[in-house]
Each structure stands twice: as structure tokens, then as C-alpha cells.
Amino acid sequence: MNTPPISRFPVPSLASLPEDIRGRIEAVQEKSGFIPNVFLALAHRPDEFRAFFAYHDALMEKPSGLTKAEREMIVVATSNANQCHYCVIAHGAILRIRAKNPLIADQIAINYRKADISDRQKAMLDFAMKVSQAAYAVNDEDYTNLHTQGFSDEDIWDMGAISAFFGMSNRLANLLSMRANEEFYGMGRG
């Protein structure tokens, strides 16, 4: 069987990339042992690569009332709803590692309502899914429900921003026919 390309668009060589982008990719490669295909695919447009990863890092790496695992839960649940193969596979691997749970990503991707997570996390995912699929319907009741679960307004912003950002990311990954690295499938499984 022939392996499909990692993107429908041209993928630049590392040597041809601007120094800052090449350095970022090499740092990821050193840490993970491989280069996630998203880095190579988005490097096709350097300015957009920089903007994408700057916003990604602002949402996913900063101190927050949401744990890093909870942020990944949002990505996996909403990416599944948006039918983004790349993000479910890649962020599922990150979720398994951050949650230290080999089952959690599959449970959340299939049906987070039945996953082994807290009621608080289910409320978080209900809201993230609403932002992902029907943001026009977000209302005061949603905020009240989340406040009842102990979330702050800043946490709610984070939930919505992660959902919105990955909605864009999911659509871009599907547009590019981005292929998930095989390495992701086995990560964090035990």
C-alpha cells in the first residue's frame, strides 16, 4: 500500500525554511523523537505558521484554571465533532500522556458523555461543544452552569477560545488532507 502524502500542498524541506521555523521544528523533533506532520504542512506558509503556533501556544501552554489535560480534552472532543482525523489522533496522544490514562482519549473521542471524567469536565466539554457546533446559542445560562461547576470567566474564555481555535485548525487540516504521524497512535497507551 502506498502511504499518502502528509499534505495536499507542497511540504518544504527543513533546509529551505526560515531559521526561526526550522529551529522550532528541530526543537519539537528533539523532544518528541519525530516531526509532527502539522509543523511540516503549515511550514508551506511561514507567516501563517508563526501566527498559528503563537495562538496555539497562548491557549495551550499558559497557566490556566484548566489543566493541560482538560485543554486536550476540549481539542479531542471538538475535533471529533468536526471530523478532524489529524487532531483527534495527535491530540488524543497528547491527552493520554497528560492525563496519564491510556483510555481517556478514545472515550472522549467516541462519546465524552460516557467517558470516565468528572461532572465538571463533562460540563466543560458540553460548553466547548456548544461553542464548536452552535456558538450563536451560547447564553447566560451556560455561564451560570459553568460558574456552578467552579469555573471562572477566564476559564470559560479559555474553553471557548480553544474550541474556536481548533475549529479553524480542524478545517485547515481537512482542507490540507493532513495525515497523522504513525507515532501518535501508540503514544501514551501503556
N, C-alpha and C. Protein backbone atom coordinates (compact mmCIF):
# COMPACT_ATOMS: atom_id res chain seq x y z
N MET A 1 0.84 -1.18 0.00
CA MET A 1 0.00 0.00 0.00
C MET A 1 0.88 1.24 0.00
N ASN A 2 0.54 2.21 -0.81
CA ASN A 2 1.28 3.47 -0.85
C ASN A 2 0.80 4.38 0.27
N THR A 3 1.75 4.98 0.99
CA THR A 3 1.41 5.93 2.03
C THR A 3 1.08 7.27 1.39
N PRO A 4 -0.10 7.81 1.69
CA PRO A 4 -0.46 9.12 1.12
C PRO A 4 0.48 10.21 1.62
N PRO A 5 0.59 11.30 0.88
CA PRO A 5 1.42 12.41 1.34
C PRO A 5 0.84 13.02 2.62
N ILE A 6 1.68 13.75 3.35
CA ILE A 6 1.21 14.34 4.61
C ILE A 6 0.35 15.58 4.40
N SER A 7 0.38 16.14 3.19
CA SER A 7 -0.44 17.30 2.88
C SER A 7 -0.70 17.34 1.38
N ARG A 8 -1.83 17.86 1.02
CA ARG A 8 -2.18 18.05 -0.38
C ARG A 8 -1.31 19.15 -1.02
N PHE A 9 -0.74 20.02 -0.19
CA PHE A 9 0.07 21.13 -0.67
C PHE A 9 1.56 20.79 -0.51
N PRO A 10 2.43 21.50 -1.19
CA PRO A 10 3.86 21.21 -1.09
C PRO A 10 4.37 21.34 0.35
N VAL A 11 5.25 20.43 0.71
CA VAL A 11 5.88 20.44 2.03
C VAL A 11 7.34 20.84 1.84
N PRO A 12 7.74 21.97 2.39
CA PRO A 12 9.11 22.44 2.19
C PRO A 12 10.12 21.57 2.93
N SER A 13 11.32 21.56 2.45
CA SER A 13 12.39 20.87 3.16
C SER A 13 12.79 21.72 4.37
N LEU A 14 13.30 21.07 5.40
CA LEU A 14 13.74 21.82 6.59
C LEU A 14 14.80 22.85 6.23
N ALA A 15 15.71 22.47 5.35
CA ALA A 15 16.82 23.37 4.98
C ALA A 15 16.32 24.65 4.31
N SER A 16 15.16 24.59 3.67
CA SER A 16 14.65 25.76 2.94
C SER A 16 13.85 26.72 3.82
N LEU A 17 13.59 26.35 5.07
CA LEU A 17 12.73 27.15 5.93
C LEU A 17 13.48 28.29 6.60
N PRO A 18 12.76 29.37 6.94
CA PRO A 18 13.38 30.43 7.73
C PRO A 18 13.93 29.86 9.03
N GLU A 19 14.97 30.47 9.54
CA GLU A 19 15.68 29.95 10.70
C GLU A 19 14.78 29.75 11.92
N ASP A 20 13.88 30.71 12.19
CA ASP A 20 13.03 30.57 13.38
C ASP A 20 12.10 29.37 13.27
N ILE A 21 11.56 29.13 12.10
CA ILE A 21 10.65 28.00 11.90
C ILE A 21 11.43 26.69 11.95
N ARG A 22 12.54 26.65 11.28
CA ARG A 22 13.39 25.45 11.31
C ARG A 22 13.80 25.13 12.75
N GLY A 23 14.19 26.15 13.52
CA GLY A 23 14.57 25.95 14.91
C GLY A 23 13.43 25.39 15.75
N ARG A 24 12.24 25.91 15.54
CA ARG A 24 11.07 25.40 16.29
C ARG A 24 10.81 23.94 15.95
N ILE A 25 10.86 23.62 14.67
CA ILE A 25 10.60 22.24 14.24
C ILE A 25 11.68 21.30 14.78
N GLU A 26 12.92 21.72 14.73
CA GLU A 26 14.01 20.87 15.24
C GLU A 26 13.89 20.67 16.75
N ALA A 27 13.43 21.68 17.48
CA ALA A 27 13.24 21.54 18.92
C ALA A 27 12.13 20.53 19.22
N VAL A 28 11.05 20.57 18.45
CA VAL A 28 9.96 19.60 18.62
C VAL A 28 10.46 18.20 18.29
N GLN A 29 11.23 18.10 17.23
CA GLN A 29 11.78 16.80 16.83
C GLN A 29 12.68 16.23 17.93
N GLU A 30 13.50 17.07 18.51
CA GLU A 30 14.41 16.63 19.56
C GLU A 30 13.63 16.14 20.78
N LYS A 31 12.56 16.85 21.14
CA LYS A 31 11.78 16.50 22.31
C LYS A 31 10.94 15.24 22.09
N SER A 32 10.32 15.12 20.92
CA SER A 32 9.38 14.02 20.69
C SER A 32 9.98 12.83 19.94
N GLY A 33 11.10 13.05 19.28
CA GLY A 33 11.71 11.97 18.51
C GLY A 33 11.24 11.90 17.07
N PHE A 34 10.32 12.77 16.69
CA PHE A 34 9.83 12.84 15.30
C PHE A 34 9.25 14.23 15.07
N ILE A 35 8.97 14.54 13.82
CA ILE A 35 8.37 15.84 13.50
C ILE A 35 6.89 15.63 13.22
N PRO A 36 6.02 16.16 14.08
CA PRO A 36 4.59 16.06 13.79
C PRO A 36 4.28 16.72 12.43
N ASN A 37 3.49 16.03 11.65
CA ASN A 37 3.22 16.49 10.28
C ASN A 37 2.60 17.88 10.21
N VAL A 38 1.89 18.31 11.25
CA VAL A 38 1.30 19.64 11.23
C VAL A 38 2.37 20.72 11.04
N PHE A 39 3.54 20.52 11.65
CA PHE A 39 4.61 21.50 11.51
C PHE A 39 5.10 21.59 10.07
N LEU A 40 5.26 20.45 9.46
CA LEU A 40 5.75 20.42 8.08
C LEU A 40 4.70 20.95 7.11
N ALA A 41 3.45 20.57 7.32
CA ALA A 41 2.38 21.01 6.42
C ALA A 41 2.17 22.52 6.49
N LEU A 42 2.15 23.07 7.70
CA LEU A 42 1.91 24.51 7.84
C LEU A 42 3.12 25.35 7.48
N ALA A 43 4.30 24.74 7.45
CA ALA A 43 5.51 25.49 7.05
C ALA A 43 5.44 25.94 5.61
N HIS A 44 4.50 25.41 4.85
CA HIS A 44 4.29 25.86 3.46
C HIS A 44 4.03 27.37 3.40
N ARG A 45 3.46 27.92 4.47
CA ARG A 45 3.18 29.35 4.55
C ARG A 45 3.76 29.88 5.86
N PRO A 46 5.01 30.35 5.83
CA PRO A 46 5.71 30.72 7.07
C PRO A 46 4.99 31.74 7.95
N ASP A 47 4.41 32.78 7.37
CA ASP A 47 3.74 33.78 8.21
C ASP A 47 2.54 33.17 8.94
N GLU A 48 1.79 32.33 8.26
CA GLU A 48 0.65 31.68 8.88
C GLU A 48 1.10 30.65 9.92
N PHE A 49 2.21 29.96 9.65
CA PHE A 49 2.80 29.04 10.62
C PHE A 49 3.07 29.77 11.92
N ARG A 50 3.74 30.92 11.83
CA ARG A 50 4.08 31.69 13.03
C ARG A 50 2.82 32.11 13.80
N ALA A 51 1.83 32.62 13.07
CA ALA A 51 0.60 33.08 13.73
C ALA A 51 -0.15 31.91 14.36
N PHE A 52 -0.23 30.81 13.65
CA PHE A 52 -0.93 29.63 14.15
C PHE A 52 -0.32 29.14 15.45
N PHE A 53 0.99 28.94 15.45
CA PHE A 53 1.62 28.39 16.64
C PHE A 53 1.71 29.40 17.78
N ALA A 54 1.76 30.69 17.47
CA ALA A 54 1.73 31.69 18.54
C ALA A 54 0.40 31.62 19.28
N TYR A 55 -0.70 31.53 18.54
CA TYR A 55 -2.01 31.46 19.19
C TYR A 55 -2.19 30.11 19.87
N HIS A 56 -1.76 29.03 19.22
CA HIS A 56 -1.81 27.71 19.84
C HIS A 56 -1.12 27.73 21.20
N ASP A 57 0.09 28.24 21.25
CA ASP A 57 0.86 28.26 22.50
C ASP A 57 0.21 29.16 23.54
N ALA A 58 -0.36 30.29 23.10
CA ALA A 58 -1.02 31.19 24.04
C ALA A 58 -2.20 30.50 24.72
N LEU A 59 -2.89 29.63 24.00
CA LEU A 59 -4.03 28.92 24.57
C LEU A 59 -3.65 27.66 25.34
N MET A 60 -2.71 26.92 24.82
CA MET A 60 -2.47 25.56 25.31
C MET A 60 -1.33 25.44 26.31
N GLU A 61 -0.46 26.44 26.38
CA GLU A 61 0.73 26.31 27.24
C GLU A 61 0.75 27.26 28.43
N LYS A 62 -0.15 28.21 28.48
CA LYS A 62 -0.13 29.22 29.55
C LYS A 62 -0.71 28.67 30.84
N PRO A 63 -0.42 29.31 31.97
CA PRO A 63 -1.11 28.95 33.21
C PRO A 63 -2.61 29.24 33.05
N SER A 64 -3.43 28.36 33.58
CA SER A 64 -4.88 28.49 33.39
C SER A 64 -5.59 27.75 34.50
N GLY A 65 -6.87 28.04 34.68
CA GLY A 65 -7.71 27.28 35.59
C GLY A 65 -8.04 25.91 35.02
N LEU A 66 -7.75 25.70 33.75
CA LEU A 66 -7.92 24.39 33.12
C LEU A 66 -6.57 23.70 33.10
N THR A 67 -6.55 22.43 33.44
CA THR A 67 -5.30 21.69 33.35
C THR A 67 -4.94 21.49 31.88
N LYS A 68 -3.69 21.15 31.64
CA LYS A 68 -3.28 20.86 30.26
C LYS A 68 -4.06 19.68 29.71
N ALA A 69 -4.34 18.69 30.56
CA ALA A 69 -5.14 17.54 30.12
C ALA A 69 -6.57 17.98 29.76
N GLU A 70 -7.16 18.86 30.56
CA GLU A 70 -8.51 19.33 30.24
C GLU A 70 -8.54 20.10 28.93
N ARG A 71 -7.51 20.87 28.67
CA ARG A 71 -7.46 21.59 27.39
C ARG A 71 -7.41 20.60 26.23
N GLU A 72 -6.64 19.52 26.41
CA GLU A 72 -6.57 18.50 25.36
C GLU A 72 -7.90 17.76 25.22
N MET A 73 -8.64 17.60 26.32
CA MET A 73 -9.98 17.00 26.23
C MET A 73 -10.86 17.81 25.30
N ILE A 74 -10.79 19.13 25.43
CA ILE A 74 -11.58 20.02 24.57
C ILE A 74 -11.19 19.79 23.11
N VAL A 75 -9.90 19.72 22.84
CA VAL A 75 -9.43 19.53 21.47
C VAL A 75 -9.93 18.21 20.92
N VAL A 76 -9.82 17.14 21.68
CA VAL A 76 -10.23 15.82 21.17
C VAL A 76 -11.73 15.77 20.93
N ALA A 77 -12.53 16.24 21.88
CA ALA A 77 -13.99 16.18 21.73
C ALA A 77 -14.46 17.02 20.55
N THR A 78 -14.00 18.25 20.46
CA THR A 78 -14.47 19.13 19.38
C THR A 78 -13.90 18.71 18.03
N SER A 79 -12.68 18.20 18.01
CA SER A 79 -12.09 17.75 16.75
C SER A 79 -12.82 16.53 16.22
N ASN A 80 -13.30 15.67 17.12
CA ASN A 80 -14.10 14.54 16.68
C ASN A 80 -15.41 15.04 16.05
N ALA A 81 -16.05 16.00 16.71
CA ALA A 81 -17.30 16.55 16.17
C ALA A 81 -17.08 17.18 14.80
N ASN A 82 -15.89 17.74 14.59
CA ASN A 82 -15.55 18.37 13.30
C ASN A 82 -14.92 17.38 12.32
N GLN A 83 -14.87 16.11 12.71
CA GLN A 83 -14.34 15.04 11.87
C GLN A 83 -12.92 15.31 11.40
N CYS A 84 -12.09 15.75 12.33
CA CYS A 84 -10.70 16.02 12.01
C CYS A 84 -9.83 14.86 12.47
N HIS A 85 -9.51 14.01 11.55
CA HIS A 85 -8.70 12.82 11.83
C HIS A 85 -7.37 13.21 12.46
N TYR A 86 -6.68 14.19 11.87
CA TYR A 86 -5.36 14.57 12.37
C TYR A 86 -5.42 14.98 13.84
N CYS A 87 -6.31 15.89 14.17
CA CYS A 87 -6.33 16.44 15.54
C CYS A 87 -6.80 15.42 16.56
N VAL A 88 -7.76 14.55 16.20
CA VAL A 88 -8.19 13.52 17.14
C VAL A 88 -7.02 12.59 17.45
N ILE A 89 -6.28 12.18 16.43
CA ILE A 89 -5.16 11.25 16.62
C ILE A 89 -4.01 11.94 17.38
N ALA A 90 -3.57 13.10 16.90
CA ALA A 90 -2.42 13.77 17.50
C ALA A 90 -2.72 14.26 18.92
N HIS A 91 -3.83 14.92 19.11
CA HIS A 91 -4.16 15.45 20.44
C HIS A 91 -4.67 14.35 21.36
N GLY A 92 -5.18 13.28 20.79
CA GLY A 92 -5.51 12.12 21.61
C GLY A 92 -4.26 11.55 22.27
N ALA A 93 -3.18 11.50 21.51
CA ALA A 93 -1.90 11.03 22.07
C ALA A 93 -1.43 11.96 23.19
N ILE A 94 -1.51 13.25 22.96
CA ILE A 94 -1.08 14.22 23.97
C ILE A 94 -1.97 14.10 25.21
N LEU A 95 -3.28 13.93 25.01
CA LEU A 95 -4.21 13.77 26.13
C LEU A 95 -3.86 12.53 26.95
N ARG A 96 -3.60 11.41 26.29
CA ARG A 96 -3.26 10.19 27.05
C ARG A 96 -2.04 10.42 27.92
N ILE A 97 -1.06 11.14 27.38
CA ILE A 97 0.17 11.41 28.13
C ILE A 97 -0.10 12.38 29.28
N ARG A 98 -0.79 13.47 29.00
CA ARG A 98 -1.03 14.49 30.03
C ARG A 98 -1.96 14.00 31.13
N ALA A 99 -2.93 13.15 30.77
CA ALA A 99 -3.86 12.61 31.77
C ALA A 99 -3.31 11.35 32.43
N LYS A 100 -2.23 10.83 31.89
CA LYS A 100 -1.66 9.56 32.39
C LYS A 100 -2.73 8.48 32.42
N ASN A 101 -3.48 8.41 31.31
CA ASN A 101 -4.61 7.48 31.20
C ASN A 101 -4.67 6.98 29.76
N PRO A 102 -4.40 5.69 29.53
CA PRO A 102 -4.38 5.18 28.16
C PRO A 102 -5.75 5.05 27.51
N LEU A 103 -6.83 5.19 28.28
CA LEU A 103 -8.18 5.01 27.74
C LEU A 103 -8.91 6.31 27.45
N ILE A 104 -8.51 7.38 28.08
CA ILE A 104 -9.29 8.61 28.10
C ILE A 104 -9.53 9.23 26.72
N ALA A 105 -8.53 9.24 25.87
CA ALA A 105 -8.70 9.89 24.56
C ALA A 105 -9.72 9.15 23.71
N ASP A 106 -9.68 7.83 23.72
CA ASP A 106 -10.66 7.07 22.94
C ASP A 106 -12.07 7.30 23.50
N GLN A 107 -12.19 7.29 24.82
CA GLN A 107 -13.50 7.52 25.43
C GLN A 107 -14.06 8.89 25.04
N ILE A 108 -13.23 9.91 25.12
CA ILE A 108 -13.70 11.27 24.82
C ILE A 108 -13.99 11.43 23.33
N ALA A 109 -13.16 10.85 22.49
CA ALA A 109 -13.39 10.98 21.05
C ALA A 109 -14.69 10.30 20.63
N ILE A 110 -14.98 9.16 21.22
CA ILE A 110 -16.18 8.42 20.82
C ILE A 110 -17.43 9.06 21.40
N ASN A 111 -17.44 9.30 22.72
CA ASN A 111 -18.61 9.92 23.36
C ASN A 111 -18.19 10.40 24.75
N TYR A 112 -17.81 11.65 24.85
CA TYR A 112 -17.31 12.18 26.12
C TYR A 112 -18.35 12.08 27.23
N ARG A 113 -19.63 12.01 26.89
CA ARG A 113 -20.68 11.93 27.90
C ARG A 113 -20.63 10.61 28.67
N LYS A 114 -20.00 9.60 28.08
CA LYS A 114 -19.86 8.28 28.71
C LYS A 114 -18.45 8.04 29.22
N ALA A 115 -17.57 9.00 29.03
CA ALA A 115 -16.16 8.85 29.42
C ALA A 115 -16.01 8.88 30.94
N ASP A 116 -14.93 8.31 31.40
CA ASP A 116 -14.61 8.30 32.83
C ASP A 116 -13.96 9.62 33.23
N ILE A 117 -14.80 10.68 33.23
CA ILE A 117 -14.35 12.02 33.61
C ILE A 117 -15.35 12.58 34.62
N SER A 118 -14.97 13.67 35.27
CA SER A 118 -15.82 14.26 36.31
C SER A 118 -17.01 15.00 35.68
N ASP A 119 -18.02 15.26 36.50
CA ASP A 119 -19.17 16.06 36.04
C ASP A 119 -18.70 17.45 35.62
N ARG A 120 -17.71 17.98 36.32
CA ARG A 120 -17.15 19.29 35.99
C ARG A 120 -16.56 19.26 34.58
N GLN A 121 -15.81 18.22 34.28
CA GLN A 121 -15.21 18.10 32.95
C GLN A 121 -16.27 17.88 31.88
N LYS A 122 -17.33 17.15 32.19
CA LYS A 122 -18.43 16.98 31.23
C LYS A 122 -19.09 18.33 30.94
N ALA A 123 -19.28 19.14 31.99
CA ALA A 123 -19.86 20.48 31.78
C ALA A 123 -18.94 21.32 30.89
N MET A 124 -17.64 21.22 31.12
CA MET A 124 -16.65 21.93 30.30
C MET A 124 -16.78 21.49 28.84
N LEU A 125 -16.87 20.19 28.61
CA LEU A 125 -16.97 19.68 27.24
C LEU A 125 -18.31 20.00 26.60
N ASP A 126 -19.39 19.99 27.39
CA ASP A 126 -20.69 20.41 26.85
C ASP A 126 -20.59 21.83 26.30
N PHE A 127 -19.96 22.70 27.07
CA PHE A 127 -19.82 24.09 26.65
C PHE A 127 -18.91 24.20 25.43
N ALA A 128 -17.77 23.53 25.45
CA ALA A 128 -16.85 23.58 24.31
C ALA A 128 -17.53 23.07 23.05
N MET A 129 -18.33 22.03 23.18
CA MET A 129 -19.05 21.50 22.02
C MET A 129 -20.08 22.52 21.51
N LYS A 130 -20.73 23.21 22.44
CA LYS A 130 -21.71 24.22 22.02
C LYS A 130 -21.01 25.34 21.25
N VAL A 131 -19.86 25.78 21.75
CA VAL A 131 -19.10 26.80 21.02
C VAL A 131 -18.69 26.26 19.65
N SER A 132 -18.26 25.02 19.60
CA SER A 132 -17.80 24.41 18.35
C SER A 132 -18.93 24.27 17.33
N GLN A 133 -20.09 23.85 17.79
CA GLN A 133 -21.15 23.48 16.86
C GLN A 133 -22.30 24.48 16.76
N ALA A 134 -22.46 25.34 17.78
CA ALA A 134 -23.60 26.27 17.79
C ALA A 134 -23.28 27.50 18.63
N ALA A 135 -22.17 28.15 18.34
CA ALA A 135 -21.73 29.29 19.15
C ALA A 135 -22.78 30.39 19.24
N TYR A 136 -23.61 30.52 18.22
CA TYR A 136 -24.66 31.53 18.23
C TYR A 136 -25.64 31.32 19.39
N ALA A 137 -25.71 30.11 19.95
CA ALA A 137 -26.67 29.79 21.00
C ALA A 137 -26.11 29.93 22.42
N VAL A 138 -24.82 30.30 22.55
CA VAL A 138 -24.24 30.49 23.88
C VAL A 138 -24.99 31.63 24.58
N ASN A 139 -25.33 31.39 25.86
CA ASN A 139 -26.13 32.38 26.59
C ASN A 139 -25.75 32.44 28.06
N ASP A 140 -26.43 33.29 28.80
CA ASP A 140 -26.13 33.48 30.22
C ASP A 140 -26.25 32.19 31.02
N GLU A 141 -27.18 31.35 30.66
CA GLU A 141 -27.37 30.08 31.37
C GLU A 141 -26.11 29.22 31.29
N ASP A 142 -25.43 29.25 30.16
CA ASP A 142 -24.18 28.50 30.02
C ASP A 142 -23.15 28.98 31.04
N TYR A 143 -23.03 30.29 31.18
CA TYR A 143 -22.08 30.86 32.14
C TYR A 143 -22.47 30.48 33.58
N THR A 144 -23.75 30.56 33.88
CA THR A 144 -24.23 30.20 35.22
C THR A 144 -23.90 28.74 35.52
N ASN A 145 -24.17 27.85 34.57
CA ASN A 145 -23.88 26.43 34.77
C ASN A 145 -22.39 26.19 35.00
N LEU A 146 -21.55 26.87 34.25
CA LEU A 146 -20.11 26.69 34.41
C LEU A 146 -19.61 27.30 35.72
N HIS A 147 -20.16 28.44 36.11
CA HIS A 147 -19.79 29.03 37.41
C HIS A 147 -20.16 28.07 38.54
N THR A 148 -21.30 27.41 38.42
CA THR A 148 -21.73 26.43 39.42
C THR A 148 -20.73 25.29 39.55
N GLN A 149 -20.06 24.97 38.45
CA GLN A 149 -19.05 23.90 38.46
C GLN A 149 -17.68 24.41 38.93
N GLY A 150 -17.60 25.70 39.26
CA GLY A 150 -16.36 26.25 39.79
C GLY A 150 -15.45 26.90 38.76
N PHE A 151 -15.94 27.07 37.55
CA PHE A 151 -15.14 27.72 36.51
C PHE A 151 -15.27 29.24 36.61
N SER A 152 -14.18 29.93 36.37
CA SER A 152 -14.18 31.40 36.33
C SER A 152 -14.51 31.87 34.91
N ASP A 153 -14.76 33.17 34.78
CA ASP A 153 -14.97 33.73 33.45
C ASP A 153 -13.74 33.52 32.56
N GLU A 154 -12.56 33.62 33.15
CA GLU A 154 -11.33 33.39 32.36
C GLU A 154 -11.24 31.94 31.89
N ASP A 155 -11.66 31.00 32.73
CA ASP A 155 -11.70 29.59 32.31
C ASP A 155 -12.67 29.42 31.14
N ILE A 156 -13.81 30.09 31.22
CA ILE A 156 -14.82 29.99 30.18
C ILE A 156 -14.27 30.56 28.87
N TRP A 157 -13.57 31.68 28.97
CA TRP A 157 -12.92 32.24 27.77
C TRP A 157 -11.97 31.19 27.18
N ASP A 158 -11.15 30.57 28.04
CA ASP A 158 -10.20 29.55 27.56
C ASP A 158 -10.94 28.41 26.85
N MET A 159 -12.00 27.92 27.45
CA MET A 159 -12.78 26.83 26.82
C MET A 159 -13.25 27.24 25.43
N GLY A 160 -13.85 28.42 25.36
CA GLY A 160 -14.37 28.89 24.08
C GLY A 160 -13.28 29.16 23.06
N ALA A 161 -12.19 29.75 23.51
CA ALA A 161 -11.10 30.08 22.58
C ALA A 161 -10.43 28.80 22.06
N ILE A 162 -10.26 27.82 22.91
CA ILE A 162 -9.67 26.55 22.44
C ILE A 162 -10.60 25.89 21.44
N SER A 163 -11.87 25.85 21.75
CA SER A 163 -12.85 25.27 20.82
C SER A 163 -12.84 26.01 19.48
N ALA A 164 -12.84 27.32 19.53
CA ALA A 164 -12.85 28.13 18.30
C ALA A 164 -11.56 27.95 17.51
N PHE A 165 -10.43 28.02 18.19
CA PHE A 165 -9.15 27.87 17.51
C PHE A 165 -9.05 26.51 16.82
N PHE A 166 -9.44 25.47 17.53
CA PHE A 166 -9.34 24.15 16.92
C PHE A 166 -10.41 23.90 15.87
N GLY A 167 -11.51 24.65 15.91
CA GLY A 167 -12.46 24.60 14.79
C GLY A 167 -11.77 25.05 13.52
N MET A 168 -10.99 26.14 13.62
CA MET A 168 -10.21 26.61 12.48
C MET A 168 -9.15 25.58 12.10
N SER A 169 -8.45 25.08 13.10
CA SER A 169 -7.40 24.09 12.85
C SER A 169 -7.97 22.84 12.19
N ASN A 170 -9.12 22.37 12.67
CA ASN A 170 -9.75 21.18 12.08
C ASN A 170 -10.08 21.40 10.62
N ARG A 171 -10.60 22.56 10.31
CA ARG A 171 -10.97 22.85 8.93
C ARG A 171 -9.73 22.95 8.05
N LEU A 172 -8.69 23.54 8.57
CA LEU A 172 -7.43 23.64 7.83
C LEU A 172 -6.82 22.26 7.61
N ALA A 173 -6.81 21.44 8.64
CA ALA A 173 -6.26 20.08 8.50
C ALA A 173 -7.04 19.28 7.46
N ASN A 174 -8.36 19.43 7.45
CA ASN A 174 -9.16 18.73 6.44
C ASN A 174 -8.92 19.29 5.05
N LEU A 175 -8.80 20.61 4.95
CA LEU A 175 -8.50 21.25 3.67
C LEU A 175 -7.20 20.72 3.08
N LEU A 176 -6.19 20.55 3.95
CA LEU A 176 -4.86 20.10 3.51
C LEU A 176 -4.77 18.58 3.36
N SER A 177 -5.81 17.87 3.78
CA SER A 177 -5.75 16.39 3.86
C SER A 177 -4.55 15.97 4.69
N MET A 178 -4.36 16.64 5.81
CA MET A 178 -3.19 16.40 6.66
C MET A 178 -3.25 15.00 7.25
N ARG A 179 -2.18 14.29 7.13
CA ARG A 179 -2.08 12.92 7.61
C ARG A 179 -1.40 12.89 8.97
N ALA A 180 -1.98 12.13 9.90
CA ALA A 180 -1.39 11.98 11.24
C ALA A 180 -0.17 11.06 11.17
N ASN A 181 0.85 11.40 11.93
CA ASN A 181 2.05 10.56 12.03
C ASN A 181 1.68 9.23 12.68
N GLU A 182 2.26 8.17 12.21
CA GLU A 182 2.02 6.85 12.80
C GLU A 182 2.44 6.81 14.27
N GLU A 183 3.45 7.56 14.64
CA GLU A 183 3.95 7.57 16.01
C GLU A 183 2.85 7.92 17.02
N PHE A 184 1.92 8.78 16.62
CA PHE A 184 0.88 9.22 17.55
C PHE A 184 -0.01 8.08 18.04
N TYR A 185 -0.24 7.09 17.20
CA TYR A 185 -1.20 6.05 17.53
C TYR A 185 -0.84 5.26 18.79
N GLY A 186 0.42 5.03 19.03
CA GLY A 186 0.84 4.24 20.17
C GLY A 186 1.23 5.02 21.40
N MET A 187 1.33 6.33 21.28
CA MET A 187 1.81 7.14 22.41
C MET A 187 0.82 7.14 23.58
N GLY A 188 1.35 6.98 24.78
CA GLY A 188 0.55 7.07 26.00
C GLY A 188 -0.38 5.91 26.23
N ARG A 189 -0.15 4.81 25.57
CA ARG A 189 -1.07 3.67 25.71
C ARG A 189 -0.62 2.66 26.75
N GLY A 190 0.50 2.91 27.38
CA GLY A 190 0.86 1.97 28.42
C GLY A 190 2.25 1.59 28.46
